[in-house]
Amino acid sequence: MKKFLVKGMLFSMLAFAFVSCDSDDFEEPWVEPEVITTGVYILNSGQDGKNNAILSYYNPETNVLTGKIFQNQNDGLIIGDTGNDMVIYGNKMYILASGSNKIYITDLKGKLLKYSNGNDAIIEPLNASNQPQKPREGVAYEGKVYVSLFDGYVAQIDTTSMAITKTVQVGTYPEQLTVAKNKLYVANSGYGQGSTVSEVDLSSFTVKTIDVVKNPNKILTDKNNFVYIISWGDYQNTQAVLQKYDPSTGKLTTLGTKIASKMALSKDNDKLFLICSTYDESWSPTTKLQSFNLTTNTLDEKSFITVPANMDISKAYSLDVDPINGDIYIGTSDYSTNGNMYIFSADGTYKTSFGTGGINPMGSYFVTGVK
């Protein structure tokens, strides 16, 4: 009889322990982190329609991650649905939530700034018919932040007034943006059907259209003002293509097919680090890590990192480089549970990893860096 009683008590205790671990009531009290110049923010998009975007902060000097930064700095306010991108520029951060149609403007600790009337600095971009425009990606340049809006426009935000001062129509479903020689380049994905990049003259706000391979999505600029574009194609019949555009001559060059889905520049701007994901007829992915030498214009098929045993590169989701020390950050996702972040030194040596505190890490955003 005692054996059954003891077993029953143990079972009850174990059941209580499992419930306790899953309950927010037993979380440790949140402690505001010290934001340092080497700090890194991780924006987790959450799942579409679930309103569970999470902003986390990582201190590389202590290897400590602090989750739910935005929520705890703003009296429980949540980012909402689909945190898609953010920009750190000067002493402000711009957090873009596509599903919730909001651009949050905060200080470097993640606390919302205030307009002169005392209202929180939150922009909700609307078109002429008062329909949400859904902010997607952003880039900063000379006192302005430019944001692509999914209804086919780009908005210019003045960093002093924290308000949209101009908009311009580009292609359909614009995604990532970059700046070269006082011109803004916008990848118009067309929701998989687009085949243009918009060139916006930032002095006149006039637009020129550049024809590229189908479904342009990723775009960036190197120190020589060359623009690199990844077009994703349709993943099967048309594979991803890496292209280079020279703003001085207007020439577009194909650098390779099926070599890149995501990219990031090395600290010295002499290499493109590439994640390449291809799919077979059953949509099973094959993932490779490669680099493209921008000096010799050659592809190095050798992985640019030493992959640790605990990392599944098929789940690689984001790729960023610390502009100060060159560390490489690769976020992984399975789309349903919290992601992980893996850090490598500039030469590819594995350093550490940690959970990102949310689902789908969209990227690593460096306090001292300008995206």
Protein backbone atom coordinates (compact mmCIF):
# COMPACT_ATOMS: atom_id res chain seq x y z
CA MET A 1 0.00 0.00 0.00
CA LYS A 2 2.83 2.36 0.87
CA LYS A 3 4.47 1.66 -2.50
CA PHE A 4 1.33 2.78 -4.33
CA LEU A 5 1.05 5.86 -2.11
CA VAL A 6 4.67 6.85 -2.70
CA LYS A 7 4.30 6.30 -6.45
CA GLY A 8 1.16 8.39 -6.48
CA MET A 9 2.89 11.22 -4.61
CA LEU A 10 5.86 11.10 -6.97
CA PHE A 11 3.58 11.17 -10.00
CA SER A 12 1.71 14.18 -8.59
CA MET A 13 4.97 16.00 -7.88
CA LEU A 14 6.28 15.32 -11.39
CA ALA A 15 3.01 16.45 -12.95
CA PHE A 16 3.14 19.66 -10.90
CA ALA A 17 6.74 20.23 -11.99
CA PHE A 18 5.82 19.93 -15.67
CA VAL A 19 2.94 22.36 -15.26
CA SER A 20 5.17 24.78 -13.36
CA CYS A 21 7.80 24.79 -16.12
CA ASP A 22 5.19 25.66 -18.73
CA SER A 23 3.58 28.44 -16.73
CA ASP A 24 4.55 32.08 -17.15
CA ASP A 25 3.65 32.57 -13.48
CA PHE A 26 6.94 30.95 -12.51
CA GLU A 27 9.23 32.88 -14.84
CA GLU A 28 12.10 34.70 -13.25
CA PRO A 29 11.52 38.46 -12.85
CA TRP A 30 12.56 40.39 -15.94
CA VAL A 31 15.73 42.44 -15.47
CA GLU A 32 16.50 45.30 -17.87
CA PRO A 33 19.83 44.60 -19.58
CA GLU A 34 22.62 47.12 -19.90
CA VAL A 35 22.70 48.02 -23.59
CA ILE A 36 26.33 48.25 -24.66
CA THR A 37 27.93 49.30 -27.93
CA THR A 38 28.73 45.69 -28.82
CA GLY A 39 25.16 44.55 -28.12
CA VAL A 40 22.95 42.75 -30.62
CA TYR A 41 19.17 42.76 -31.01
CA ILE A 42 17.38 39.71 -32.41
CA LEU A 43 13.97 40.28 -33.99
CA ASN A 44 11.82 37.15 -34.02
CA SER A 45 8.92 37.50 -36.43
CA GLY A 46 6.71 34.95 -34.71
CA GLN A 47 4.11 33.02 -36.69
CA ASP A 48 1.85 34.71 -39.20
CA GLY A 49 -1.38 35.81 -37.54
CA LYS A 50 -0.29 34.76 -34.04
CA ASN A 51 0.74 38.21 -32.73
CA ASN A 52 3.85 36.70 -31.17
CA ALA A 53 6.74 38.76 -32.55
CA ILE A 54 9.48 39.05 -29.90
CA LEU A 55 12.49 41.36 -29.60
CA SER A 56 15.45 39.91 -27.70
CA TYR A 57 18.79 41.44 -26.72
CA TYR A 58 22.09 39.59 -26.66
CA ASN A 59 25.21 40.73 -24.80
CA PRO A 60 28.21 39.07 -26.50
CA GLU A 61 30.51 40.01 -23.64
CA THR A 62 28.50 38.07 -21.05
CA ASN A 63 26.81 35.61 -23.46
CA VAL A 64 23.44 36.49 -21.90
CA LEU A 65 20.18 36.80 -23.85
CA THR A 66 17.32 38.89 -22.49
CA GLY A 67 13.93 38.21 -24.05
CA LYS A 68 10.74 40.25 -24.44
CA ILE A 69 12.63 43.56 -24.49
CA PHE A 70 9.91 45.58 -26.24
CA GLN A 71 7.10 44.16 -24.16
CA ASN A 72 8.82 44.81 -20.85
CA GLN A 73 10.06 48.29 -21.78
CA ASN A 74 6.59 49.40 -22.85
CA ASP A 75 4.24 48.29 -20.07
CA GLY A 76 3.24 45.01 -21.67
CA LEU A 77 2.65 46.34 -25.19
CA ILE A 78 3.46 43.66 -27.75
CA ILE A 79 5.01 44.15 -31.19
CA GLY A 80 2.17 42.11 -32.60
CA ASP A 81 2.01 40.23 -35.85
CA THR A 82 5.04 39.47 -38.05
CA GLY A 83 8.03 41.48 -36.92
CA ASN A 84 9.70 41.58 -40.32
CA ASP A 85 12.72 43.88 -40.01
CA MET A 86 14.30 46.64 -37.94
CA VAL A 87 16.78 49.45 -38.43
CA ILE A 88 19.17 50.81 -35.81
CA TYR A 89 20.27 54.30 -36.78
CA GLY A 90 21.89 56.87 -34.51
CA ASN A 91 20.15 56.70 -31.13
CA LYS A 92 16.88 55.29 -32.46
CA MET A 93 15.49 51.91 -33.51
CA TYR A 94 12.73 51.36 -36.06
CA ILE A 95 10.84 48.07 -35.64
CA LEU A 96 8.64 47.03 -38.56
CA ALA A 97 5.62 44.77 -37.96
CA SER A 98 4.00 43.90 -41.28
CA GLY A 99 0.91 42.07 -40.08
CA SER A 100 0.12 44.67 -37.46
CA ASN A 101 0.93 47.52 -39.90
CA LYS A 102 3.11 49.37 -37.42
CA ILE A 103 6.51 51.05 -37.35
CA TYR A 104 7.64 51.45 -33.74
CA ILE A 105 10.32 54.06 -33.03
CA THR A 106 12.26 53.44 -29.83
CA ASP A 107 15.45 54.41 -28.06
CA LEU A 108 18.37 51.97 -27.99
CA LYS A 109 16.84 50.21 -24.99
CA GLY A 110 13.66 49.40 -26.88
CA LYS A 111 11.47 51.96 -25.10
CA LEU A 112 9.04 53.86 -27.31
CA LEU A 113 9.89 57.49 -27.92
CA LYS A 114 7.24 60.20 -27.68
CA TYR A 115 5.97 62.80 -30.10
CA SER A 116 5.65 66.40 -28.92
CA ASN A 117 1.98 65.76 -28.10
CA GLY A 118 2.94 62.97 -25.71
CA ASN A 119 1.78 60.11 -27.92
CA ASP A 120 3.95 57.07 -28.50
CA ALA A 121 6.08 57.20 -31.66
CA ILE A 122 4.17 54.60 -33.68
CA ILE A 123 3.54 55.01 -37.39
CA GLU A 124 0.66 53.14 -39.01
CA PRO A 125 1.09 53.73 -42.76
CA LEU A 126 -2.20 53.95 -44.70
CA ASN A 127 -2.88 54.47 -48.39
CA ALA A 128 -5.29 56.98 -49.91
CA SER A 129 -8.17 54.63 -49.12
CA ASN A 130 -7.07 54.26 -45.48
CA GLN A 131 -5.97 50.68 -46.07
CA PRO A 132 -2.88 49.33 -44.26
CA GLN A 133 0.28 49.38 -46.36
CA LYS A 134 2.20 46.75 -44.36
CA PRO A 135 5.84 47.83 -43.78
CA ARG A 136 8.35 45.18 -44.84
CA GLU A 137 12.02 46.23 -44.78
CA GLY A 138 14.03 49.34 -44.01
CA VAL A 139 17.34 51.07 -44.63
CA ALA A 140 18.86 54.28 -43.22
CA TYR A 141 20.66 56.98 -45.16
CA GLU A 142 21.62 60.60 -44.41
CA GLY A 143 19.08 61.37 -41.71
CA LYS A 144 16.22 59.40 -43.23
CA VAL A 145 14.87 55.88 -42.91
CA TYR A 146 13.32 54.33 -46.01
CA VAL A 147 10.70 51.60 -45.61
CA SER A 148 9.22 49.35 -48.29
CA LEU A 149 5.44 49.03 -48.06
CA PHE A 150 3.80 45.88 -49.38
CA ASP A 151 1.19 47.78 -51.39
CA GLY A 152 3.88 48.97 -53.81
CA TYR A 153 5.28 52.12 -52.20
CA VAL A 154 8.37 53.27 -50.31
CA ALA A 155 8.02 55.70 -47.41
CA GLN A 156 10.65 58.20 -46.28
CA ILE A 157 10.73 58.75 -42.51
CA ASP A 158 12.39 61.88 -41.17
CA THR A 159 14.43 60.81 -38.15
CA THR A 160 13.90 64.12 -36.33
CA SER A 161 10.13 64.49 -36.68
CA MET A 162 9.68 60.68 -36.66
CA ALA A 163 7.03 61.03 -39.35
CA ILE A 164 6.61 59.96 -42.97
CA THR A 165 7.53 62.96 -45.13
CA LYS A 166 7.44 61.42 -48.62
CA THR A 167 6.18 58.33 -50.41
CA VAL A 168 6.94 57.06 -53.89
CA GLN A 169 5.37 54.27 -55.91
CA VAL A 170 7.74 51.47 -56.91
CA GLY A 171 6.99 47.91 -58.08
CA THR A 172 4.56 45.42 -56.58
CA TYR A 173 5.27 43.80 -53.22
CA PRO A 174 8.63 45.48 -52.58
CA GLU A 175 11.00 43.82 -50.13
CA GLN A 176 14.63 44.66 -49.25
CA LEU A 177 16.20 48.04 -50.02
CA THR A 178 19.74 49.40 -50.33
CA VAL A 179 21.41 52.71 -51.18
CA ALA A 180 24.22 53.41 -53.67
CA LYS A 181 25.37 56.80 -54.95
CA ASN A 182 22.39 58.70 -53.53
CA LYS A 183 19.96 56.31 -55.13
CA LEU A 184 17.66 53.84 -53.44
CA TYR A 185 17.32 50.37 -54.92
CA VAL A 186 14.18 48.38 -54.13
CA ALA A 187 13.65 44.69 -54.88
CA ASN A 188 10.10 44.28 -56.23
CA SER A 189 9.20 40.66 -55.54
CA GLY A 190 5.73 40.85 -57.08
CA TYR A 191 4.85 38.16 -54.54
CA GLY A 192 6.96 35.78 -56.58
CA GLN A 193 5.97 37.18 -59.97
CA GLY A 194 7.94 40.44 -60.14
CA SER A 195 11.04 40.96 -62.25
CA THR A 196 12.17 44.52 -61.53
CA VAL A 197 14.29 46.58 -59.18
CA SER A 198 13.25 50.22 -58.72
CA GLU A 199 15.98 52.87 -58.69
CA VAL A 200 14.77 55.92 -56.77
CA ASP A 201 16.76 59.15 -57.14
CA LEU A 202 16.78 60.48 -53.59
CA SER A 203 17.20 64.09 -54.72
CA SER A 204 14.17 64.18 -57.03
CA PHE A 205 12.30 61.09 -55.78
CA THR A 206 11.85 59.96 -59.37
CA VAL A 207 11.89 56.28 -60.30
CA LYS A 208 13.72 54.25 -62.94
CA THR A 209 12.97 50.55 -63.52
CA ILE A 210 15.69 47.91 -63.89
CA ASP A 211 14.79 44.50 -65.32
CA VAL A 212 16.17 41.54 -63.37
CA VAL A 213 15.51 37.81 -62.97
CA LYS A 214 12.10 36.78 -61.61
CA ASN A 215 11.26 37.30 -57.93
CA PRO A 216 14.00 39.68 -56.66
CA ASN A 217 14.04 39.69 -52.88
CA LYS A 218 17.48 40.31 -51.37
CA ILE A 219 19.60 43.33 -52.24
CA LEU A 220 22.68 45.06 -50.78
CA THR A 221 25.54 47.41 -51.67
CA ASP A 222 29.29 46.98 -51.19
CA LYS A 223 31.87 49.67 -50.41
CA ASN A 224 32.41 50.29 -54.14
CA ASN A 225 28.71 51.04 -54.67
CA PHE A 226 28.01 47.89 -56.65
CA VAL A 227 24.52 46.52 -56.01
CA TYR A 228 24.00 42.79 -55.49
CA ILE A 229 20.59 41.23 -56.07
CA ILE A 230 19.26 37.76 -55.32
CA SER A 231 16.23 36.76 -57.36
CA TRP A 232 14.56 33.69 -55.91
CA GLY A 233 12.79 32.55 -59.07
CA ASP A 234 9.93 30.10 -58.48
CA TYR A 235 12.18 27.68 -56.55
CA GLN A 236 11.81 24.83 -59.07
CA ASN A 237 11.47 25.82 -62.73
CA THR A 238 13.40 29.06 -62.21
CA GLN A 239 16.16 28.78 -59.61
CA ALA A 240 17.70 31.56 -57.52
CA VAL A 241 20.16 33.84 -59.33
CA LEU A 242 22.82 36.16 -57.90
CA GLN A 243 23.24 39.35 -59.96
CA LYS A 244 25.47 42.43 -59.83
CA TYR A 245 24.35 45.89 -60.95
CA ASP A 246 26.73 48.76 -61.68
CA PRO A 247 24.93 52.11 -61.10
CA SER A 248 27.62 53.95 -63.07
CA THR A 249 27.11 52.02 -66.29
CA GLY A 250 23.65 50.51 -65.82
CA LYS A 251 25.06 47.05 -66.53
CA LEU A 252 23.51 43.97 -64.92
CA THR A 253 25.70 40.85 -64.67
CA THR A 254 24.74 37.34 -63.58
CA LEU A 255 27.28 36.01 -61.07
CA GLY A 256 25.78 32.57 -60.61
CA THR A 257 22.67 30.41 -60.62
CA LYS A 258 21.60 28.23 -57.69
CA ILE A 259 24.37 29.67 -55.51
CA ALA A 260 22.50 32.05 -53.18
CA SER A 261 19.19 32.50 -51.38
CA LYS A 262 20.46 34.83 -48.65
CA MET A 263 23.63 36.90 -48.42
CA ALA A 264 25.69 39.14 -46.18
CA LEU A 265 28.85 41.16 -46.76
CA SER A 266 32.01 40.32 -44.87
CA LYS A 267 33.34 43.03 -42.56
CA ASP A 268 35.97 44.06 -45.14
CA ASN A 269 33.47 44.00 -48.00
CA ASP A 270 35.66 41.62 -49.96
CA LYS A 271 33.30 38.63 -49.82
CA LEU A 272 29.65 37.79 -49.99
CA PHE A 273 28.69 35.05 -47.56
CA LEU A 274 25.94 32.99 -49.17
CA ILE A 275 23.28 30.58 -47.97
CA CYS A 276 21.90 28.57 -50.88
CA SER A 277 18.71 26.54 -50.45
CA THR A 278 17.36 24.55 -53.39
CA TYR A 279 14.31 22.29 -53.53
CA ASP A 280 13.47 19.07 -55.32
CA GLU A 281 10.07 18.05 -56.70
CA SER A 282 8.83 17.07 -53.23
CA TRP A 283 10.04 20.42 -51.79
CA SER A 284 12.82 18.79 -49.79
CA PRO A 285 15.57 21.38 -49.27
CA THR A 286 19.28 21.10 -49.89
CA THR A 287 21.30 23.80 -48.16
CA LYS A 288 24.88 24.88 -48.88
CA LEU A 289 27.07 27.59 -47.36
CA GLN A 290 29.40 29.26 -49.86
CA SER A 291 31.17 32.56 -50.42
CA PHE A 292 31.76 34.78 -53.43
CA ASN A 293 35.06 36.62 -53.70
CA LEU A 294 34.27 40.17 -54.86
CA THR A 295 37.89 40.87 -55.81
CA THR A 296 38.37 37.90 -58.11
CA ASN A 297 34.66 37.41 -58.96
CA THR A 298 34.90 33.72 -58.15
CA LEU A 299 32.74 31.35 -56.13
CA ASP A 300 34.27 29.39 -53.27
CA GLU A 301 32.08 26.33 -52.72
CA LYS A 302 33.75 25.55 -49.41
CA SER A 303 31.60 26.43 -46.39
CA PHE A 304 32.58 29.79 -44.89
CA ILE A 305 32.02 28.38 -41.38
CA THR A 306 32.94 25.23 -39.51
CA VAL A 307 29.50 23.78 -38.84
CA PRO A 308 29.14 22.55 -35.23
CA ALA A 309 27.53 19.20 -34.46
CA ASN A 310 24.50 20.84 -32.83
CA MET A 311 23.59 22.92 -35.91
CA ASP A 312 21.21 21.88 -38.68
CA ILE A 313 22.11 24.11 -41.63
CA SER A 314 18.95 23.08 -43.49
CA LYS A 315 17.15 25.32 -40.99
CA ALA A 316 19.34 28.38 -41.70
CA TYR A 317 16.98 31.37 -41.67
CA SER A 318 18.99 34.57 -41.23
CA LEU A 319 22.54 35.69 -41.97
CA ASP A 320 24.28 38.82 -40.65
CA VAL A 321 27.79 40.09 -39.99
CA ASP A 322 28.89 42.24 -37.07
CA PRO A 323 30.29 45.43 -38.70
CA ILE A 324 32.82 45.91 -35.91
CA ASN A 325 34.52 42.55 -35.38
CA GLY A 326 33.27 40.59 -38.39
CA ASP A 327 31.51 37.87 -36.38
CA ILE A 328 29.00 35.89 -38.43
CA TYR A 329 25.50 35.35 -37.01
CA ILE A 330 23.29 32.61 -38.47
CA GLY A 331 19.78 32.16 -37.12
CA THR A 332 17.89 28.89 -37.57
CA SER A 333 14.17 28.17 -37.58
CA ASP A 334 11.71 25.30 -37.89
CA TYR A 335 8.80 27.77 -38.11
CA SER A 336 7.05 26.41 -35.03
CA THR A 337 9.43 26.54 -32.04
CA ASN A 338 11.88 29.15 -30.78
CA GLY A 339 14.87 29.65 -33.03
CA ASN A 340 18.58 29.43 -32.31
CA MET A 341 21.43 31.76 -33.12
CA TYR A 342 24.94 30.52 -33.94
CA ILE A 343 27.95 32.84 -33.81
CA PHE A 344 31.21 32.35 -35.70
CA SER A 345 34.35 34.44 -35.83
CA ALA A 346 35.24 36.20 -39.08
CA ASP A 347 37.36 33.21 -40.14
CA GLY A 348 34.41 30.84 -39.64
CA THR A 349 35.41 29.34 -36.31
CA TYR A 350 32.41 28.39 -34.16
CA LYS A 351 32.13 30.49 -30.99
CA THR A 352 28.78 29.91 -29.29
CA SER A 353 25.03 29.52 -29.75
CA PHE A 354 21.87 30.43 -27.87
CA GLY A 355 18.09 30.33 -28.14
CA THR A 356 16.67 33.53 -29.63
CA GLY A 357 13.63 33.75 -27.35
CA GLY A 358 11.11 33.64 -30.20
CA ILE A 359 10.03 31.93 -33.41
CA ASN A 360 11.67 32.75 -36.75
CA PRO A 361 14.70 35.00 -36.07
CA MET A 362 14.59 37.51 -38.93
CA GLY A 363 18.04 38.88 -38.28
CA SER A 364 20.69 40.20 -35.93
CA TYR A 365 20.81 43.98 -35.55
CA PHE A 366 23.96 45.53 -34.13
CA VAL A 367 23.76 48.52 -31.79
CA THR A 368 26.79 50.17 -33.41
CA GLY A 369 25.88 49.17 -36.95
CA VAL A 370 23.72 50.84 -39.59
CA LYS A 371 21.79 48.42 -41.78
